[in-house]
N, C-alpha and C. Protein backbone atom coordinates (compact mmCIF):
# COMPACT_ATOMS: atom_id res chain seq x y z
N UNK A 1 -43.17 37.03 -19.63
CA UNK A 1 -44.58 36.99 -19.31
C UNK A 1 -45.07 38.43 -19.13
N UNK A 2 -46.15 38.75 -19.82
CA UNK A 2 -46.61 40.14 -19.80
C UNK A 2 -47.31 40.51 -18.50
N UNK A 3 -47.88 39.55 -17.81
CA UNK A 3 -48.50 39.81 -16.53
C UNK A 3 -49.99 40.07 -16.62
N UNK A 4 -50.51 40.33 -17.80
CA UNK A 4 -51.95 40.56 -17.95
C UNK A 4 -52.67 39.23 -17.91
N UNK A 5 -53.60 39.12 -17.00
CA UNK A 5 -54.31 37.85 -16.82
C UNK A 5 -55.56 37.75 -17.68
N UNK A 6 -56.13 38.89 -18.10
CA UNK A 6 -57.36 38.89 -18.89
C UNK A 6 -57.20 38.15 -20.22
N UNK A 7 -56.12 38.40 -20.99
CA UNK A 7 -55.98 37.65 -22.24
C UNK A 7 -55.86 36.14 -22.02
N UNK A 8 -55.19 35.77 -20.96
CA UNK A 8 -55.04 34.35 -20.66
C UNK A 8 -56.39 33.74 -20.32
N UNK A 9 -57.19 34.47 -19.54
CA UNK A 9 -58.52 33.97 -19.19
C UNK A 9 -59.42 33.88 -20.41
N UNK A 10 -59.34 34.86 -21.30
CA UNK A 10 -60.12 34.80 -22.53
C UNK A 10 -59.73 33.59 -23.37
N UNK A 11 -58.45 33.36 -23.50
CA UNK A 11 -57.97 32.23 -24.28
C UNK A 11 -58.36 30.91 -23.62
N UNK A 12 -58.26 30.84 -22.30
CA UNK A 12 -58.68 29.63 -21.60
C UNK A 12 -60.18 29.38 -21.77
N UNK A 13 -60.97 30.44 -21.73
CA UNK A 13 -62.41 30.29 -21.94
C UNK A 13 -62.71 29.78 -23.35
N UNK A 14 -62.01 30.31 -24.34
CA UNK A 14 -62.21 29.85 -25.72
C UNK A 14 -61.80 28.39 -25.88
N UNK A 15 -60.71 28.00 -25.23
CA UNK A 15 -60.25 26.61 -25.30
C UNK A 15 -61.24 25.69 -24.60
N UNK A 16 -61.79 26.14 -23.46
CA UNK A 16 -62.78 25.34 -22.74
C UNK A 16 -64.05 25.17 -23.57
N UNK A 17 -64.48 26.25 -24.24
CA UNK A 17 -65.67 26.16 -25.10
C UNK A 17 -65.40 25.20 -26.25
N UNK A 18 -64.22 25.27 -26.84
CA UNK A 18 -63.87 24.37 -27.94
C UNK A 18 -63.85 22.92 -27.46
N UNK A 19 -63.32 22.69 -26.27
CA UNK A 19 -63.31 21.32 -25.73
C UNK A 19 -64.70 20.79 -25.45
N UNK A 20 -65.56 21.65 -24.91
CA UNK A 20 -66.93 21.22 -24.65
C UNK A 20 -67.69 20.96 -25.95
N UNK A 21 -67.43 21.78 -26.96
CA UNK A 21 -68.06 21.54 -28.26
C UNK A 21 -67.59 20.21 -28.84
N UNK A 22 -66.31 19.93 -28.71
CA UNK A 22 -65.78 18.66 -29.23
C UNK A 22 -66.42 17.48 -28.51
N UNK A 23 -66.63 17.62 -27.21
CA UNK A 23 -67.23 16.54 -26.45
C UNK A 23 -68.71 16.38 -26.78
N UNK A 24 -69.42 17.48 -26.85
CA UNK A 24 -70.86 17.42 -27.11
C UNK A 24 -71.19 17.01 -28.55
N UNK A 25 -70.38 17.46 -29.50
CA UNK A 25 -70.64 17.14 -30.90
C UNK A 25 -70.03 15.81 -31.32
N UNK A 26 -69.35 15.15 -30.40
CA UNK A 26 -68.80 13.81 -30.62
C UNK A 26 -67.94 13.75 -31.88
N UNK A 27 -66.88 14.55 -31.88
CA UNK A 27 -66.04 14.65 -33.07
C UNK A 27 -65.18 13.40 -33.27
N UNK A 28 -64.70 12.82 -32.20
CA UNK A 28 -63.82 11.65 -32.32
C UNK A 28 -64.56 10.46 -32.94
N UNK A 29 -65.79 10.14 -32.50
CA UNK A 29 -66.50 9.04 -33.17
C UNK A 29 -66.79 9.31 -34.65
N UNK A 30 -66.95 10.58 -35.03
CA UNK A 30 -67.17 10.89 -36.45
C UNK A 30 -65.94 10.52 -37.29
N UNK A 31 -64.76 10.85 -36.78
CA UNK A 31 -63.56 10.48 -37.51
C UNK A 31 -63.30 8.97 -37.43
N UNK A 32 -63.72 8.33 -36.34
CA UNK A 32 -63.58 6.88 -36.23
C UNK A 32 -64.47 6.18 -37.25
N UNK A 33 -65.68 6.70 -37.46
CA UNK A 33 -66.56 6.09 -38.47
C UNK A 33 -66.00 6.30 -39.86
N UNK A 34 -65.35 7.43 -40.09
CA UNK A 34 -64.70 7.66 -41.38
C UNK A 34 -63.57 6.67 -41.60
N UNK A 35 -62.79 6.40 -40.56
CA UNK A 35 -61.72 5.41 -40.67
C UNK A 35 -62.28 4.02 -40.91
N UNK A 36 -63.40 3.70 -40.26
CA UNK A 36 -64.03 2.39 -40.47
C UNK A 36 -64.51 2.23 -41.91
N UNK A 37 -65.06 3.29 -42.47
CA UNK A 37 -65.47 3.23 -43.88
C UNK A 37 -64.27 3.03 -44.80
N UNK A 38 -63.15 3.65 -44.47
CA UNK A 38 -61.94 3.45 -45.26
C UNK A 38 -61.43 2.03 -45.20
N UNK A 39 -61.47 1.44 -43.99
CA UNK A 39 -61.06 0.04 -43.85
C UNK A 39 -62.01 -0.88 -44.63
N UNK A 40 -63.29 -0.55 -44.58
CA UNK A 40 -64.27 -1.37 -45.30
C UNK A 40 -64.04 -1.28 -46.81
N UNK A 41 -63.72 -0.10 -47.32
CA UNK A 41 -63.44 0.05 -48.74
C UNK A 41 -62.19 -0.74 -49.13
N UNK A 42 -61.19 -0.73 -48.27
CA UNK A 42 -59.99 -1.53 -48.53
C UNK A 42 -60.29 -3.02 -48.55
N UNK A 43 -61.17 -3.45 -47.65
CA UNK A 43 -61.54 -4.86 -47.62
C UNK A 43 -62.32 -5.26 -48.86
N UNK A 44 -63.16 -4.36 -49.35
CA UNK A 44 -63.93 -4.65 -50.57
C UNK A 44 -62.98 -4.82 -51.75
N UNK A 45 -62.00 -3.94 -51.83
CA UNK A 45 -61.05 -4.03 -52.95
C UNK A 45 -60.16 -5.26 -52.85
N UNK A 46 -59.86 -5.72 -51.64
CA UNK A 46 -58.98 -6.87 -51.46
C UNK A 46 -59.72 -8.20 -51.60
N UNK A 47 -61.04 -8.16 -51.63
CA UNK A 47 -61.83 -9.39 -51.69
C UNK A 47 -61.60 -10.11 -53.01
N UNK A 48 -61.39 -11.41 -52.90
CA UNK A 48 -61.18 -12.23 -54.10
C UNK A 48 -62.47 -12.95 -54.45
N UNK A 49 -62.59 -13.32 -55.69
CA UNK A 49 -63.74 -14.08 -56.13
C UNK A 49 -64.96 -13.23 -56.40
N UNK A 50 -64.78 -11.92 -56.46
CA UNK A 50 -65.88 -11.01 -56.75
C UNK A 50 -65.54 -10.27 -58.02
N UNK A 51 -66.53 -10.07 -58.88
CA UNK A 51 -66.25 -9.41 -60.15
C UNK A 51 -65.83 -7.96 -59.93
N UNK A 52 -65.06 -7.47 -60.88
CA UNK A 52 -64.59 -6.09 -60.81
C UNK A 52 -65.76 -5.11 -60.87
N UNK A 53 -66.80 -5.46 -61.60
CA UNK A 53 -67.97 -4.59 -61.70
C UNK A 53 -68.62 -4.40 -60.32
N UNK A 54 -68.77 -5.48 -59.57
CA UNK A 54 -69.36 -5.36 -58.23
C UNK A 54 -68.44 -4.60 -57.27
N UNK A 55 -67.13 -4.82 -57.41
CA UNK A 55 -66.19 -4.07 -56.58
C UNK A 55 -66.28 -2.57 -56.87
N UNK A 56 -66.36 -2.23 -58.16
CA UNK A 56 -66.46 -0.82 -58.52
C UNK A 56 -67.75 -0.20 -58.00
N UNK A 57 -68.82 -0.94 -58.09
CA UNK A 57 -70.11 -0.45 -57.60
C UNK A 57 -70.07 -0.24 -56.07
N UNK A 58 -69.54 -1.23 -55.35
CA UNK A 58 -69.45 -1.13 -53.89
C UNK A 58 -68.50 0.00 -53.49
N UNK A 59 -67.42 0.14 -54.23
CA UNK A 59 -66.46 1.20 -53.94
C UNK A 59 -67.08 2.57 -54.19
N UNK A 60 -67.88 2.71 -55.24
CA UNK A 60 -68.54 3.97 -55.53
C UNK A 60 -69.52 4.34 -54.41
N UNK A 61 -70.26 3.36 -53.92
CA UNK A 61 -71.20 3.61 -52.82
C UNK A 61 -70.44 4.00 -51.56
N UNK A 62 -69.38 3.26 -51.26
CA UNK A 62 -68.58 3.59 -50.07
C UNK A 62 -67.90 4.95 -50.21
N UNK A 63 -67.49 5.32 -51.41
CA UNK A 63 -66.87 6.63 -51.62
C UNK A 63 -67.87 7.74 -51.32
N UNK A 64 -69.12 7.56 -51.71
CA UNK A 64 -70.15 8.55 -51.40
C UNK A 64 -70.37 8.67 -49.90
N UNK A 65 -70.41 7.53 -49.22
CA UNK A 65 -70.56 7.55 -47.77
C UNK A 65 -69.36 8.20 -47.09
N UNK A 66 -68.16 7.89 -47.61
CA UNK A 66 -66.95 8.50 -47.04
C UNK A 66 -66.94 10.01 -47.26
N UNK A 67 -67.41 10.45 -48.42
CA UNK A 67 -67.47 11.89 -48.69
C UNK A 67 -68.43 12.58 -47.73
N UNK A 68 -69.60 11.99 -47.52
CA UNK A 68 -70.58 12.57 -46.59
C UNK A 68 -70.02 12.58 -45.16
N UNK A 69 -69.40 11.49 -44.76
CA UNK A 69 -68.82 11.41 -43.42
C UNK A 69 -67.67 12.39 -43.26
N UNK A 70 -66.86 12.54 -44.29
CA UNK A 70 -65.74 13.47 -44.25
C UNK A 70 -66.23 14.92 -44.15
N UNK A 71 -67.25 15.27 -44.92
CA UNK A 71 -67.79 16.62 -44.86
C UNK A 71 -68.41 16.92 -43.51
N UNK A 72 -69.11 15.93 -42.95
CA UNK A 72 -69.71 16.11 -41.63
C UNK A 72 -68.64 16.30 -40.57
N UNK A 73 -67.64 15.44 -40.58
CA UNK A 73 -66.56 15.55 -39.59
C UNK A 73 -65.78 16.85 -39.76
N UNK A 74 -65.55 17.25 -40.99
CA UNK A 74 -64.85 18.51 -41.23
C UNK A 74 -65.64 19.72 -40.77
N UNK A 75 -66.95 19.70 -41.02
CA UNK A 75 -67.80 20.81 -40.57
C UNK A 75 -67.82 20.89 -39.04
N UNK A 76 -67.87 19.75 -38.39
CA UNK A 76 -67.86 19.74 -36.92
C UNK A 76 -66.50 20.21 -36.41
N UNK A 77 -65.43 19.84 -37.08
CA UNK A 77 -64.10 20.31 -36.69
C UNK A 77 -64.00 21.84 -36.81
N UNK A 78 -64.60 22.39 -37.86
CA UNK A 78 -64.62 23.85 -38.02
C UNK A 78 -65.40 24.49 -36.87
N UNK A 79 -66.53 23.89 -36.50
CA UNK A 79 -67.31 24.42 -35.37
C UNK A 79 -66.53 24.35 -34.06
N UNK A 80 -65.75 23.30 -33.90
CA UNK A 80 -65.01 23.14 -32.65
C UNK A 80 -63.90 24.18 -32.53
N UNK A 81 -63.19 24.46 -33.61
CA UNK A 81 -62.08 25.41 -33.52
C UNK A 81 -62.54 26.86 -33.67
N UNK A 82 -63.82 27.07 -33.98
CA UNK A 82 -64.33 28.43 -34.20
C UNK A 82 -64.14 29.37 -33.02
N UNK A 83 -64.37 28.96 -31.75
CA UNK A 83 -64.19 29.93 -30.66
C UNK A 83 -62.77 30.49 -30.57
N UNK A 84 -61.78 29.65 -30.75
CA UNK A 84 -60.39 30.12 -30.66
C UNK A 84 -60.06 31.01 -31.86
N UNK A 85 -60.49 30.61 -33.04
CA UNK A 85 -60.23 31.41 -34.24
C UNK A 85 -60.93 32.76 -34.15
N UNK A 86 -62.17 32.77 -33.70
CA UNK A 86 -62.90 34.03 -33.56
C UNK A 86 -62.23 34.95 -32.54
N UNK A 87 -61.76 34.39 -31.45
CA UNK A 87 -61.06 35.20 -30.45
C UNK A 87 -59.79 35.80 -31.03
N UNK A 88 -59.05 35.01 -31.81
CA UNK A 88 -57.84 35.53 -32.43
C UNK A 88 -58.15 36.60 -33.48
N UNK A 89 -59.27 36.44 -34.21
CA UNK A 89 -59.68 37.45 -35.18
C UNK A 89 -60.10 38.74 -34.49
N UNK A 90 -60.85 38.61 -33.40
CA UNK A 90 -61.25 39.81 -32.65
C UNK A 90 -60.01 40.49 -32.08
N UNK A 91 -59.06 39.71 -31.63
CA UNK A 91 -57.82 40.29 -31.10
C UNK A 91 -57.04 41.02 -32.19
N UNK A 92 -57.21 40.62 -33.43
CA UNK A 92 -56.55 41.31 -34.53
C UNK A 92 -57.12 42.69 -34.78
N UNK A 93 -58.42 42.87 -34.53
CA UNK A 93 -59.03 44.18 -34.75
C UNK A 93 -59.03 45.03 -33.48
N UNK A 94 -59.30 44.39 -32.34
CA UNK A 94 -59.30 45.09 -31.05
C UNK A 94 -58.16 44.47 -30.23
N UNK A 95 -57.11 45.21 -29.98
CA UNK A 95 -55.96 44.60 -29.29
C UNK A 95 -56.29 44.22 -27.84
N UNK A 96 -56.52 42.93 -27.65
CA UNK A 96 -56.81 42.41 -26.31
C UNK A 96 -55.59 41.79 -25.65
N UNK A 97 -54.58 41.48 -26.44
CA UNK A 97 -53.38 40.85 -25.91
C UNK A 97 -53.43 39.34 -25.97
N UNK A 98 -54.43 38.78 -26.66
CA UNK A 98 -54.59 37.33 -26.73
C UNK A 98 -53.49 36.71 -27.59
N UNK A 99 -53.17 37.35 -28.70
CA UNK A 99 -52.10 36.80 -29.56
C UNK A 99 -50.77 36.80 -28.83
N UNK A 100 -50.50 37.84 -28.10
CA UNK A 100 -49.25 37.89 -27.34
C UNK A 100 -49.22 36.78 -26.30
N UNK A 101 -50.35 36.53 -25.66
CA UNK A 101 -50.42 35.45 -24.68
C UNK A 101 -50.31 34.10 -25.35
N UNK A 102 -50.87 33.98 -26.55
CA UNK A 102 -50.84 32.72 -27.27
C UNK A 102 -49.45 32.37 -27.77
N UNK A 103 -48.66 33.38 -28.10
CA UNK A 103 -47.34 33.12 -28.68
C UNK A 103 -46.19 33.26 -27.68
N UNK A 104 -46.46 33.70 -26.46
CA UNK A 104 -45.43 33.74 -25.43
C UNK A 104 -45.32 32.35 -24.81
N UNK A 105 -44.13 31.79 -24.78
CA UNK A 105 -44.00 30.38 -24.36
C UNK A 105 -44.35 30.19 -22.89
N UNK A 106 -44.07 31.16 -22.04
CA UNK A 106 -44.40 31.00 -20.62
C UNK A 106 -45.91 31.03 -20.40
N UNK A 107 -46.58 31.94 -21.08
CA UNK A 107 -48.03 32.00 -20.95
C UNK A 107 -48.69 30.80 -21.61
N UNK A 108 -48.11 30.33 -22.70
CA UNK A 108 -48.64 29.14 -23.35
C UNK A 108 -48.49 27.92 -22.44
N UNK A 109 -47.38 27.86 -21.72
CA UNK A 109 -47.18 26.78 -20.76
C UNK A 109 -48.22 26.85 -19.64
N UNK A 110 -48.51 28.06 -19.17
CA UNK A 110 -49.55 28.24 -18.16
C UNK A 110 -50.92 27.83 -18.70
N UNK A 111 -51.22 28.21 -19.94
CA UNK A 111 -52.49 27.83 -20.57
C UNK A 111 -52.57 26.32 -20.71
N UNK A 112 -51.49 25.68 -21.12
CA UNK A 112 -51.46 24.23 -21.23
C UNK A 112 -51.70 23.56 -19.89
N UNK A 113 -51.04 24.05 -18.86
CA UNK A 113 -51.18 23.48 -17.53
C UNK A 113 -52.61 23.62 -17.01
N UNK A 114 -53.18 24.80 -17.14
CA UNK A 114 -54.56 25.02 -16.66
C UNK A 114 -55.55 24.23 -17.51
N UNK A 115 -55.31 24.13 -18.81
CA UNK A 115 -56.19 23.33 -19.67
C UNK A 115 -56.16 21.86 -19.30
N UNK A 116 -54.97 21.35 -18.99
CA UNK A 116 -54.87 19.95 -18.56
C UNK A 116 -55.58 19.72 -17.23
N UNK A 117 -55.46 20.66 -16.32
CA UNK A 117 -56.20 20.55 -15.05
C UNK A 117 -57.70 20.53 -15.31
N UNK A 118 -58.15 21.39 -16.23
CA UNK A 118 -59.58 21.43 -16.58
C UNK A 118 -60.03 20.10 -17.18
N UNK A 119 -59.24 19.56 -18.10
CA UNK A 119 -59.61 18.30 -18.75
C UNK A 119 -59.65 17.16 -17.73
N UNK A 120 -58.66 17.09 -16.86
CA UNK A 120 -58.63 16.02 -15.85
C UNK A 120 -59.79 16.17 -14.88
N UNK A 121 -60.08 17.39 -14.45
CA UNK A 121 -61.21 17.61 -13.54
C UNK A 121 -62.52 17.27 -14.22
N UNK A 122 -62.66 17.65 -15.48
CA UNK A 122 -63.89 17.34 -16.24
C UNK A 122 -64.04 15.83 -16.41
N UNK A 123 -62.94 15.15 -16.66
CA UNK A 123 -62.97 13.70 -16.84
C UNK A 123 -63.34 13.01 -15.53
N UNK A 124 -62.74 13.47 -14.43
CA UNK A 124 -63.02 12.86 -13.13
C UNK A 124 -64.47 13.10 -12.71
N UNK A 125 -64.98 14.30 -12.93
CA UNK A 125 -66.37 14.58 -12.58
C UNK A 125 -67.34 13.79 -13.45
N UNK A 126 -67.00 13.61 -14.72
CA UNK A 126 -67.84 12.82 -15.62
C UNK A 126 -67.87 11.35 -15.23
N UNK A 127 -66.74 10.82 -14.79
CA UNK A 127 -66.69 9.42 -14.36
C UNK A 127 -67.48 9.22 -13.08
N UNK A 128 -67.39 10.16 -12.17
CA UNK A 128 -68.07 10.04 -10.89
C UNK A 128 -69.59 10.04 -11.10
N UNK A 129 -70.06 10.83 -12.04
CA UNK A 129 -71.49 10.93 -12.30
C UNK A 129 -72.04 9.64 -12.94
N UNK A 130 -71.22 8.93 -13.71
CA UNK A 130 -71.68 7.75 -14.43
C UNK A 130 -71.61 6.46 -13.59
N UNK A 131 -71.02 6.51 -12.42
CA UNK A 131 -70.91 5.29 -11.62
C UNK A 131 -72.28 4.90 -11.07
N UNK A 132 -72.57 3.59 -11.02
CA UNK A 132 -73.86 3.15 -10.47
C UNK A 132 -73.92 3.39 -8.97
N UNK A 133 -75.13 3.60 -8.49
CA UNK A 133 -75.31 3.88 -7.06
C UNK A 133 -75.69 2.62 -6.31
């Protein structure tokens, strides 16, 4: 462990920003809707008693929707991981010690532990706010 706390704090801040972006941009439901479209396309293809022409037409429409959903989810995923990637890129040009903290297993364990505490605290505070009065 290098002992420098600033790189760890910078990395934790970037991870917290990425987590908040994931929560606010609702990335998990975007991928869930993509999976639902995939299941629907499979059901269309498995349907019996429907002409192949109609199946092809429905599959083409669903493929377009899946492409749009996939691009949207992918773009949001890029936005979510951007803070961590940008911090690592800045660390490549200006040596902040973030890469060393990211690749040292003891510091990574500390980052994991603090990140889990943050996620649990955020989850508990969010639940408390949503309870009826």
